[in-house]
Amino acid sequence: TENAPVYLAAVLEYLAAEVLELSGNVVRDNKKNNIIPRYVLLAVRNDEELGKLLVGVTIALGGVLPNINLVLLPKKTEKAAGKEPKSPSKAIKSPNKG
């Protein structure tokens, strides 16, 4: 119809405003002055709805979200947490040659 281009322009304007607003919040949180691709990526990936919309999109120079898989972290046990590490002099005893 005749109104489709107007409607499409309004949707694109809304999406652009949303991305810029969230990116501006990330910039403010990082105490910076400029919006860079990294902040756009952080804003998009941390927003549930925009994240779903742009799930397959790669933002150039955006990097990735900071994330460490829990499997890669060292395992903490209750016994190990309570003990202090042994000093090298107590842990390794050299045999006496005497």
PDB file of N, CA and C in Angstrom:
ATOM      1  N   THR A   1       0.835  -1.194   0.000  1.00  0.00           N
ATOM      2  CA  THR A   1       0.000   0.000   0.000  1.00  0.00           C
ATOM      3  C   THR A   1       0.870   1.245   0.000  1.00  0.00           C
ATOM      4  N   GLU A   2       0.206   2.396   0.002  1.00  0.00           N
ATOM      5  CA  GLU A   2       0.927   3.672  -0.021  1.00  0.00           C
ATOM      6  C   GLU A   2       1.626   3.965   1.300  1.00  0.00           C
ATOM      7  N   ASN A   3       1.103   3.458   2.388  1.00  0.00           N
ATOM      8  CA  ASN A   3       1.641   3.798   3.704  1.00  0.00           C
ATOM      9  C   ASN A   3       2.767   2.871   4.158  1.00  0.00           C
ATOM     10  N   ALA A   4       3.051   1.826   3.414  1.00  0.00           N
ATOM     11  CA  ALA A   4       4.080   0.871   3.818  1.00  0.00           C
ATOM     12  C   ALA A   4       5.459   1.517   3.987  1.00  0.00           C
ATOM     13  N   PRO A   5       5.908   2.383   3.058  1.00  0.00           N
ATOM     14  CA  PRO A   5       7.218   3.008   3.258  1.00  0.00           C
ATOM     15  C   PRO A   5       7.273   3.886   4.505  1.00  0.00           C
ATOM     16  N   VAL A   6       6.185   4.558   4.804  1.00  0.00           N
ATOM     17  CA  VAL A   6       6.141   5.416   5.992  1.00  0.00           C
ATOM     18  C   VAL A   6       6.215   4.561   7.250  1.00  0.00           C
ATOM     19  N   TYR A   7       5.479   3.457   7.249  1.00  0.00           N
ATOM     20  CA  TYR A   7       5.473   2.553   8.397  1.00  0.00           C
ATOM     21  C   TYR A   7       6.860   1.940   8.589  1.00  0.00           C
ATOM     22  N   LEU A   8       7.475   1.512   7.498  1.00  0.00           N
ATOM     23  CA  LEU A   8       8.812   0.934   7.565  1.00  0.00           C
ATOM     24  C   LEU A   8       9.820   1.947   8.093  1.00  0.00           C
ATOM     25  N   ALA A   9       9.715   3.191   7.644  1.00  0.00           N
ATOM     26  CA  ALA A   9      10.615   4.241   8.124  1.00  0.00           C
ATOM     27  C   ALA A   9      10.434   4.465   9.618  1.00  0.00           C
ATOM     28  N   ALA A  10       9.199   4.411  10.098  1.00  0.00           N
ATOM     29  CA  ALA A  10       8.937   4.596  11.526  1.00  0.00           C
ATOM     30  C   ALA A  10       9.529   3.452  12.343  1.00  0.00           C
ATOM     31  N   VAL A  11       9.415   2.230  11.846  1.00  0.00           N
ATOM     32  CA  VAL A  11       9.979   1.072  12.554  1.00  0.00           C
ATOM     33  C   VAL A  11      11.499   1.177  12.612  1.00  0.00           C
ATOM     34  N   LEU A  12      12.124   1.523  11.490  1.00  0.00           N
ATOM     35  CA  LEU A  12      13.579   1.662  11.461  1.00  0.00           C
ATOM     36  C   LEU A  12      14.054   2.788  12.369  1.00  0.00           C
ATOM     37  N   GLU A  13      13.296   3.889  12.400  1.00  0.00           N
ATOM     38  CA  GLU A  13      13.651   4.998  13.291  1.00  0.00           C
ATOM     39  C   GLU A  13      13.578   4.555  14.747  1.00  0.00           C
ATOM     40  N   TYR A  14      12.538   3.793  15.091  1.00  0.00           N
ATOM     41  CA  TYR A  14      12.391   3.307  16.465  1.00  0.00           C
ATOM     42  C   TYR A  14      13.548   2.386  16.843  1.00  0.00           C
ATOM     43  N   LEU A  15      13.899   1.459  15.943  1.00  0.00           N
ATOM     44  CA  LEU A  15      14.998   0.535  16.240  1.00  0.00           C
ATOM     45  C   LEU A  15      16.323   1.282  16.404  1.00  0.00           C
ATOM     46  N   ALA A  16      16.570   2.247  15.526  1.00  0.00           N
ATOM     47  CA  ALA A  16      17.801   3.030  15.625  1.00  0.00           C
ATOM     48  C   ALA A  16      17.840   3.813  16.930  1.00  0.00           C
ATOM     49  N   ALA A  17      16.720   4.410  17.312  1.00  0.00           N
ATOM     50  CA  ALA A  17      16.665   5.174  18.561  1.00  0.00           C
ATOM     51  C   ALA A  17      16.894   4.266  19.765  1.00  0.00           C
ATOM     52  N   GLU A  18      16.335   3.061  19.725  1.00  0.00           N
ATOM     53  CA  GLU A  18      16.499   2.113  20.833  1.00  0.00           C
ATOM     54  C   GLU A  18      17.959   1.684  20.972  1.00  0.00           C
ATOM     55  N   VAL A  19      18.587   1.350  19.856  1.00  0.00           N
ATOM     56  CA  VAL A  19      19.991   0.934  19.887  1.00  0.00           C
ATOM     57  C   VAL A  19      20.874   2.080  20.365  1.00  0.00           C
ATOM     58  N   LEU A  20      20.621   3.288  19.878  1.00  0.00           N
ATOM     59  CA  LEU A  20      21.435   4.434  20.291  1.00  0.00           C
ATOM     60  C   LEU A  20      21.226   4.777  21.760  1.00  0.00           C
ATOM     61  N   GLU A  21      20.000   4.648  22.245  1.00  0.00           N
ATOM     62  CA  GLU A  21      19.747   4.928  23.661  1.00  0.00           C
ATOM     63  C   GLU A  21      20.486   3.933  24.550  1.00  0.00           C
ATOM     64  N   LEU A  22      20.379   2.656  24.234  1.00  0.00           N
ATOM     65  CA  LEU A  22      21.064   1.642  25.034  1.00  0.00           C
ATOM     66  C   LEU A  22      22.583   1.779  24.928  1.00  0.00           C
ATOM     67  N   SER A  23      23.075   2.105  23.742  1.00  0.00           N
ATOM     68  CA  SER A  23      24.511   2.313  23.568  1.00  0.00           C
ATOM     69  C   SER A  23      24.980   3.523  24.368  1.00  0.00           C
ATOM     70  N   GLY A  24      24.179   4.568  24.384  1.00  0.00           N
ATOM     71  CA  GLY A  24      24.510   5.749  25.187  1.00  0.00           C
ATOM     72  C   GLY A  24      24.568   5.430  26.667  1.00  0.00           C
ATOM     73  N   ASN A  25      23.682   4.543  27.126  1.00  0.00           N
ATOM     74  CA  ASN A  25      23.724   4.128  28.533  1.00  0.00           C
ATOM     75  C   ASN A  25      25.011   3.371  28.846  1.00  0.00           C
ATOM     76  N   VAL A  26      25.451   2.519  27.917  1.00  0.00           N
ATOM     77  CA  VAL A  26      26.699   1.779  28.119  1.00  0.00           C
ATOM     78  C   VAL A  26      27.876   2.745  28.152  1.00  0.00           C
ATOM     79  N   VAL A  27      27.862   3.747  27.268  1.00  0.00           N
ATOM     80  CA  VAL A  27      28.927   4.752  27.244  1.00  0.00           C
ATOM     81  C   VAL A  27      28.977   5.490  28.574  1.00  0.00           C
ATOM     82  N   ARG A  28      27.824   5.895  29.065  1.00  0.00           N
ATOM     83  CA  ARG A  28      27.766   6.610  30.341  1.00  0.00           C
ATOM     84  C   ARG A  28      28.258   5.724  31.487  1.00  0.00           C
ATOM     85  N   ASP A  29      27.870   4.444  31.476  1.00  0.00           N
ATOM     86  CA  ASP A  29      28.304   3.524  32.528  1.00  0.00           C
ATOM     87  C   ASP A  29      29.818   3.337  32.525  1.00  0.00           C
ATOM     88  N   ASN A  30      30.432   3.416  31.348  1.00  0.00           N
ATOM     89  CA  ASN A  30      31.884   3.265  31.235  1.00  0.00           C
ATOM     90  C   ASN A  30      32.626   4.598  31.337  1.00  0.00           C
ATOM     91  N   LYS A  31      31.895   5.662  31.635  1.00  0.00           N
ATOM     92  CA  LYS A  31      32.468   7.004  31.819  1.00  0.00           C
ATOM     93  C   LYS A  31      33.279   7.448  30.598  1.00  0.00           C
ATOM     94  N   LYS A  32      32.706   7.229  29.414  1.00  0.00           N
ATOM     95  CA  LYS A  32      33.328   7.661  28.162  1.00  0.00           C
ATOM     96  C   LYS A  32      32.418   8.668  27.482  1.00  0.00           C
ATOM     97  N   ASN A  33      32.862   9.190  26.335  1.00  0.00           N
ATOM     98  CA  ASN A  33      32.090  10.211  25.635  1.00  0.00           C
ATOM     99  C   ASN A  33      31.606   9.797  24.251  1.00  0.00           C
ATOM    100  N   ASN A  34      32.215   8.769  23.674  1.00  0.00           N
ATOM    101  CA  ASN A  34      31.901   8.383  22.298  1.00  0.00           C
ATOM    102  C   ASN A  34      31.283   6.996  22.245  1.00  0.00           C
ATOM    103  N   ILE A  35      30.345   6.827  21.314  1.00  0.00           N
ATOM    104  CA  ILE A  35      29.783   5.502  21.067  1.00  0.00           C
ATOM    105  C   ILE A  35      30.684   4.806  20.056  1.00  0.00           C
ATOM    106  N   ILE A  36      31.235   3.673  20.458  1.00  0.00           N
ATOM    107  CA  ILE A  36      32.068   2.865  19.571  1.00  0.00           C
ATOM    108  C   ILE A  36      31.362   1.524  19.350  1.00  0.00           C
ATOM    109  N   PRO A  37      31.777   0.773  18.336  1.00  0.00           N
ATOM    110  CA  PRO A  37      31.091  -0.498  18.057  1.00  0.00           C
ATOM    111  C   PRO A  37      31.033  -1.442  19.252  1.00  0.00           C
ATOM    112  N   ARG A  38      32.040  -1.412  20.105  1.00  0.00           N
ATOM    113  CA  ARG A  38      32.045  -2.278  21.291  1.00  0.00           C
ATOM    114  C   ARG A  38      30.839  -1.985  22.174  1.00  0.00           C
ATOM    115  N   TYR A  39      30.527  -0.715  22.368  1.00  0.00           N
ATOM    116  CA  TYR A  39      29.399  -0.343  23.225  1.00  0.00           C
ATOM    117  C   TYR A  39      28.067  -0.683  22.574  1.00  0.00           C
ATOM    118  N   VAL A  40      28.009  -0.594  21.252  1.00  0.00           N
ATOM    119  CA  VAL A  40      26.788  -1.001  20.544  1.00  0.00           C
ATOM    120  C   VAL A  40      26.566  -2.496  20.746  1.00  0.00           C
ATOM    121  N   LEU A  41      27.632  -3.285  20.605  1.00  0.00           N
ATOM    122  CA  LEU A  41      27.513  -4.724  20.801  1.00  0.00           C
ATOM    123  C   LEU A  41      27.073  -5.051  22.222  1.00  0.00           C
ATOM    124  N   LEU A  42      27.689  -4.425  23.214  1.00  0.00           N
ATOM    125  CA  LEU A  42      27.312  -4.696  24.603  1.00  0.00           C
ATOM    126  C   LEU A  42      25.856  -4.331  24.854  1.00  0.00           C
ATOM    127  N   ALA A  43      25.413  -3.222  24.277  1.00  0.00           N
ATOM    128  CA  ALA A  43      24.025  -2.800  24.460  1.00  0.00           C
ATOM    129  C   ALA A  43      23.063  -3.793  23.825  1.00  0.00           C
ATOM    130  N   VAL A  44      23.356  -4.226  22.610  1.00  0.00           N
ATOM    131  CA  VAL A  44      22.464  -5.140  21.891  1.00  0.00           C
ATOM    132  C   VAL A  44      22.430  -6.505  22.562  1.00  0.00           C
ATOM    133  N   ARG A  45      23.583  -7.036  22.926  1.00  0.00           N
ATOM    134  CA  ARG A  45      23.639  -8.388  23.495  1.00  0.00           C
ATOM    135  C   ARG A  45      23.066  -8.450  24.908  1.00  0.00           C
ATOM    136  N   ASN A  46      23.083  -7.346  25.632  1.00  0.00           N
ATOM    137  CA  ASN A  46      22.542  -7.347  26.994  1.00  0.00           C
ATOM    138  C   ASN A  46      21.052  -7.024  27.033  1.00  0.00           C
ATOM    139  N   ASP A  47      20.459  -6.680  25.899  1.00  0.00           N
ATOM    140  CA  ASP A  47      19.023  -6.440  25.821  1.00  0.00           C
ATOM    141  C   ASP A  47      18.360  -7.697  25.267  1.00  0.00           C
ATOM    142  N   GLU A  48      17.369  -8.206  25.981  1.00  0.00           N
ATOM    143  CA  GLU A  48      16.748  -9.475  25.600  1.00  0.00           C
ATOM    144  C   GLU A  48      16.117  -9.416  24.213  1.00  0.00           C
ATOM    145  N   GLU A  49      15.310  -8.389  23.960  1.00  0.00           N
ATOM    146  CA  GLU A  49      14.583  -8.320  22.689  1.00  0.00           C
ATOM    147  C   GLU A  49      15.502  -8.013  21.511  1.00  0.00           C
ATOM    148  N   LEU A  50      16.402  -7.046  21.672  1.00  0.00           N
ATOM    149  CA  LEU A  50      17.332  -6.745  20.579  1.00  0.00           C
ATOM    150  C   LEU A  50      18.292  -7.908  20.354  1.00  0.00           C
ATOM    151  N   GLY A  51      18.648  -8.605  21.419  1.00  0.00           N
ATOM    152  CA  GLY A  51      19.506  -9.773  21.280  1.00  0.00           C
ATOM    153  C   GLY A  51      18.861 -10.848  20.427  1.00  0.00           C
ATOM    154  N   LYS A  52      17.546 -11.058  20.623  1.00  0.00           N
ATOM    155  CA  LYS A  52      16.829 -12.041  19.801  1.00  0.00           C
ATOM    156  C   LYS A  52      16.732 -11.580  18.351  1.00  0.00           C
ATOM    157  N   LEU A  53      16.487 -10.296  18.151  1.00  0.00           N
ATOM    158  CA  LEU A  53      16.340  -9.760  16.799  1.00  0.00           C
ATOM    159  C   LEU A  53      17.654  -9.837  16.020  1.00  0.00           C
ATOM    160  N   LEU A  54      18.751  -9.548  16.696  1.00  0.00           N
ATOM    161  CA  LEU A  54      20.051  -9.462  16.033  1.00  0.00           C
ATOM    162  C   LEU A  54      20.957 -10.637  16.388  1.00  0.00           C
ATOM    163  N   VAL A  55      20.378 -11.806  16.625  1.00  0.00           N
ATOM    164  CA  VAL A  55      21.154 -12.963  17.074  1.00  0.00           C
ATOM    165  C   VAL A  55      22.202 -13.392  16.054  1.00  0.00           C
ATOM    166  N   GLY A  56      21.930 -13.261  14.783  1.00  0.00           N
ATOM    167  CA  GLY A  56      22.876 -13.694  13.761  1.00  0.00           C
ATOM    168  C   GLY A  56      23.743 -12.579  13.214  1.00  0.00           C
ATOM    169  N   VAL A  57      23.666 -11.401  13.804  1.00  0.00           N
ATOM    170  CA  VAL A  57      24.373 -10.231  13.285  1.00  0.00           C
ATOM    171  C   VAL A  57      25.753 -10.124  13.923  1.00  0.00           C
ATOM    172  N   THR A  58      26.757  -9.858  13.087  1.00  0.00           N
ATOM    173  CA  THR A  58      28.104  -9.599  13.578  1.00  0.00           C
ATOM    174  C   THR A  58      28.354  -8.104  13.491  1.00  0.00           C
ATOM    175  N   ILE A  59      28.701  -7.490  14.602  1.00  0.00           N
ATOM    176  CA  ILE A  59      29.007  -6.062  14.630  1.00  0.00           C
ATOM    177  C   ILE A  59      30.519  -5.921  14.493  1.00  0.00           C
ATOM    178  N   ALA A  60      30.963  -5.285  13.413  1.00  0.00           N
ATOM    179  CA  ALA A  60      32.390  -5.141  13.146  1.00  0.00           C
ATOM    180  C   ALA A  60      33.070  -4.399  14.286  1.00  0.00           C
ATOM    181  N   LEU A  61      34.200  -4.916  14.735  1.00  0.00           N
ATOM    182  CA  LEU A  61      35.005  -4.362  15.832  1.00  0.00           C
ATOM    183  C   LEU A  61      34.256  -4.358  17.164  1.00  0.00           C
ATOM    184  N   GLY A  62      33.216  -5.165  17.269  1.00  0.00           N
ATOM    185  CA  GLY A  62      32.441  -5.210  18.506  1.00  0.00           C
ATOM    186  C   GLY A  62      32.991  -6.163  19.539  1.00  0.00           C
ATOM    187  N   GLY A  63      33.723  -7.172  19.107  1.00  0.00           N
ATOM    188  CA  GLY A  63      34.243  -8.161  20.038  1.00  0.00           C
ATOM    189  C   GLY A  63      33.164  -9.153  20.433  1.00  0.00           C
ATOM    190  N   VAL A  64      33.299  -9.703  21.630  1.00  0.00           N
ATOM    191  CA  VAL A  64      32.331 -10.661  22.158  1.00  0.00           C
ATOM    192  C   VAL A  64      31.997 -10.278  23.593  1.00  0.00           C
ATOM    193  N   LEU A  65      30.913 -10.842  24.102  1.00  0.00           N
ATOM    194  CA  LEU A  65      30.569 -10.619  25.498  1.00  0.00           C
ATOM    195  C   LEU A  65      31.579 -11.329  26.386  1.00  0.00           C
ATOM    196  N   PRO A  66      31.999 -10.682  27.462  1.00  0.00           N
ATOM    197  CA  PRO A  66      32.915 -11.367  28.372  1.00  0.00           C
ATOM    198  C   PRO A  66      32.212 -12.545  29.029  1.00  0.00           C
ATOM    199  N   ASN A  67      32.806 -13.729  28.897  1.00  0.00           N
ATOM    200  CA  ASN A  67      32.187 -14.925  29.451  1.00  0.00           C
ATOM    201  C   ASN A  67      33.247 -16.001  29.594  1.00  0.00           C
ATOM    202  N   ILE A  68      33.280 -16.653  30.750  1.00  0.00           N
ATOM    203  CA  ILE A  68      34.155 -17.795  30.973  1.00  0.00           C
ATOM    204  C   ILE A  68      33.274 -18.977  31.313  1.00  0.00           C
ATOM    205  N   ASN A  69      33.401 -20.055  30.558  1.00  0.00           N
ATOM    206  CA  ASN A  69      32.622 -21.253  30.820  1.00  0.00           C
ATOM    207  C   ASN A  69      33.014 -21.816  32.184  1.00  0.00           C
ATOM    208  N   LEU A  70      32.025 -22.189  32.984  1.00  0.00           N
ATOM    209  CA  LEU A  70      32.283 -22.675  34.337  1.00  0.00           C
ATOM    210  C   LEU A  70      33.142 -23.935  34.348  1.00  0.00           C
ATOM    211  N   VAL A  71      33.114 -24.700  33.279  1.00  0.00           N
ATOM    212  CA  VAL A  71      33.928 -25.913  33.206  1.00  0.00           C
ATOM    213  C   VAL A  71      35.416 -25.562  33.214  1.00  0.00           C
ATOM    214  N   LEU A  72      35.754 -24.389  32.701  1.00  0.00           N
ATOM    215  CA  LEU A  72      37.153 -23.988  32.600  1.00  0.00           C
ATOM    216  C   LEU A  72      37.715 -23.409  33.889  1.00  0.00           C
ATOM    217  N   LEU A  73      36.850 -23.048  34.827  1.00  0.00           N
ATOM    218  CA  LEU A  73      37.311 -22.472  36.084  1.00  0.00           C
ATOM    219  C   LEU A  73      37.837 -23.568  36.999  1.00  0.00           C
ATOM    220  N   PRO A  74      38.817 -23.242  37.866  1.00  0.00           N
ATOM    221  CA  PRO A  74      39.323 -24.261  38.789  1.00  0.00           C
ATOM    222  C   PRO A  74      38.238 -24.678  39.774  1.00  0.00           C
ATOM    223  N   LYS A  75      38.254 -25.964  40.106  1.00  0.00           N
ATOM    224  CA  LYS A  75      37.250 -26.485  41.029  1.00  0.00           C
ATOM    225  C   LYS A  75      37.638 -26.121  42.451  1.00  0.00           C
ATOM    226  N   LYS A  76      36.657 -25.664  43.214  1.00  0.00           N
ATOM    227  CA  LYS A  76      36.880 -25.312  44.612  1.00  0.00           C
ATOM    228  C   LYS A  76      36.181 -26.340  45.480  1.00  0.00           C
ATOM    229  N   THR A  77      36.932 -26.939  46.393  1.00  0.00           N
ATOM    230  CA  THR A  77      36.335 -27.875  47.336  1.00  0.00           C
ATOM    231  C   THR A  77      36.367 -27.253  48.714  1.00  0.00           C
ATOM    232  N   GLU A  78      35.552 -27.771  49.607  1.00  0.00           N
ATOM    233  CA  GLU A  78      35.506 -27.214  50.960  1.00  0.00           C
ATOM    234  C   GLU A  78      36.810 -27.482  51.696  1.00  0.00           C
ATOM    235  N   LYS A  79      37.413 -28.638  51.468  1.00  0.00           N
ATOM    236  CA  LYS A  79      38.676 -28.964  52.129  1.00  0.00           C
ATOM    237  C   LYS A  79      39.783 -28.037  51.654  1.00  0.00           C
ATOM    238  N   ALA A  80      39.850 -27.816  50.356  1.00  0.00           N
ATOM    239  CA  ALA A  80      40.913 -26.980  49.798  1.00  0.00           C
ATOM    240  C   ALA A  80      40.733 -25.519  50.195  1.00  0.00           C
ATOM    241  N   ALA A  81      39.499 -25.097  50.369  1.00  0.00           N
ATOM    242  CA  ALA A  81      39.256 -23.703  50.728  1.00  0.00           C
ATOM    243  C   ALA A  81      39.701 -23.422  52.158  1.00  0.00           C
ATOM    244  N   GLY A  82      39.625 -24.412  53.039  1.00  0.00           N
ATOM    245  CA  GLY A  82      39.986 -24.218  54.442  1.00  0.00           C
ATOM    246  C   GLY A  82      41.470 -24.307  54.702  1.00  0.00           C
ATOM    247  N   LYS A  83      42.202 -25.039  53.867  1.00  0.00           N
ATOM    248  CA  LYS A  83      43.634 -25.214  54.077  1.00  0.00           C
ATOM    249  C   LYS A  83      44.410 -24.082  53.435  1.00  0.00           C
ATOM    250  N   GLU A  84      45.513 -23.734  54.076  1.00  0.00           N
ATOM    251  CA  GLU A  84      46.408 -22.755  53.483  1.00  0.00           C
ATOM    252  C   GLU A  84      47.466 -23.508  52.688  1.00  0.00           C
ATOM    253  N   PRO A  85      47.936 -22.934  51.616  1.00  0.00           N
ATOM    254  CA  PRO A  85      48.961 -23.634  50.840  1.00  0.00           C
ATOM    255  C   PRO A  85      50.241 -23.785  51.650  1.00  0.00           C
ATOM    256  N   LYS A  86      50.907 -24.917  51.459  1.00  0.00           N
ATOM    257  CA  LYS A  86      52.144 -25.168  52.184  1.00  0.00           C
ATOM    258  C   LYS A  86      53.251 -24.307  51.600  1.00  0.00           C
ATOM    259  N   SER A  87      54.151 -23.898  52.474  1.00  0.00           N
ATOM    260  CA  SER A  87      55.290 -23.135  51.991  1.00  0.00           C
ATOM    261  C   SER A  87      56.240 -24.088  51.283  1.00  0.00           C
ATOM    262  N   PRO A  88      57.033 -23.614  50.351  1.00  0.00           N
ATOM    263  CA  PRO A  88      57.920 -24.502  49.597  1.00  0.00           C
ATOM    264  C   PRO A  88      58.904 -25.261  50.486  1.00  0.00           C
ATOM    265  N   SER A  89      59.347 -24.652  51.586  1.00  0.00           N
ATOM    266  CA  SER A  89      60.314 -25.334  52.442  1.00  0.00           C
ATOM    267  C   SER A  89      59.692 -26.533  53.145  1.00  0.00           C
ATOM    268  N   LYS A  90      58.391 -26.482  53.456  1.00  0.00           N
ATOM    269  CA  LYS A  90      57.728 -27.597  54.117  1.00  0.00           C
ATOM    270  C   LYS A  90      57.249 -28.633  53.111  1.00  0.00           C
ATOM    271  N   ALA A  91      56.905 -28.203  51.926  1.00  0.00           N
ATOM    272  CA  ALA A  91      56.341 -29.110  50.938  1.00  0.00           C
ATOM    273  C   ALA A  91      57.416 -29.994  50.309  1.00  0.00           C
ATOM    274  N   ILE A  92      58.595 -29.468  50.091  1.00  0.00           N
ATOM    275  CA  ILE A  92      59.659 -30.225  49.440  1.00  0.00           C
ATOM    276  C   ILE A  92      60.814 -30.361  50.426  1.00  0.00           C
ATOM    277  N   LYS A  93      61.044 -31.576  50.883  1.00  0.00           N
ATOM    278  CA  LYS A  93      62.156 -31.817  51.805  1.00  0.00           C
ATOM    279  C   LYS A  93      63.269 -32.507  51.039  1.00  0.00           C
ATOM    280  N   SER A  94      64.438 -31.948  51.122  1.00  0.00           N
ATOM    281  CA  SER A  94      65.572 -32.571  50.449  1.00  0.00           C
ATOM    282  C   SER A  94      66.160 -33.637  51.369  1.00  0.00           C
ATOM    283  N   PRO A  95      66.611 -34.724  50.805  1.00  0.00           N
ATOM    284  CA  PRO A  95      67.194 -35.786  51.643  1.00  0.00           C
ATOM    285  C   PRO A  95      68.511 -35.318  52.254  1.00  0.00           C
ATOM    286  N   ASN A  96      68.721 -35.696  53.492  1.00  0.00           N
ATOM    287  CA  ASN A  96      69.964 -35.316  54.187  1.00  0.00           C
ATOM    288  C   ASN A  96      71.085 -36.248  53.762  1.00  0.00           C
ATOM    289  N   LYS A  97      72.152 -35.663  53.336  1.00  0.00           N
ATOM    290  CA  LYS A  97      73.330 -36.453  52.945  1.00  0.00           C
ATOM    291  C   LYS A  97      74.375 -36.314  54.038  1.00  0.00           C
ATOM    292  N   GLY A  98      74.236 -36.927  55.066  1.00  0.00           N
ATOM    293  CA  GLY A  98      75.168 -36.669  56.121  1.00  0.00           C
ATOM    294  C   GLY A  98      75.611 -37.754  56.879  1.00  0.00           C
TER     295      GLY A  98
END
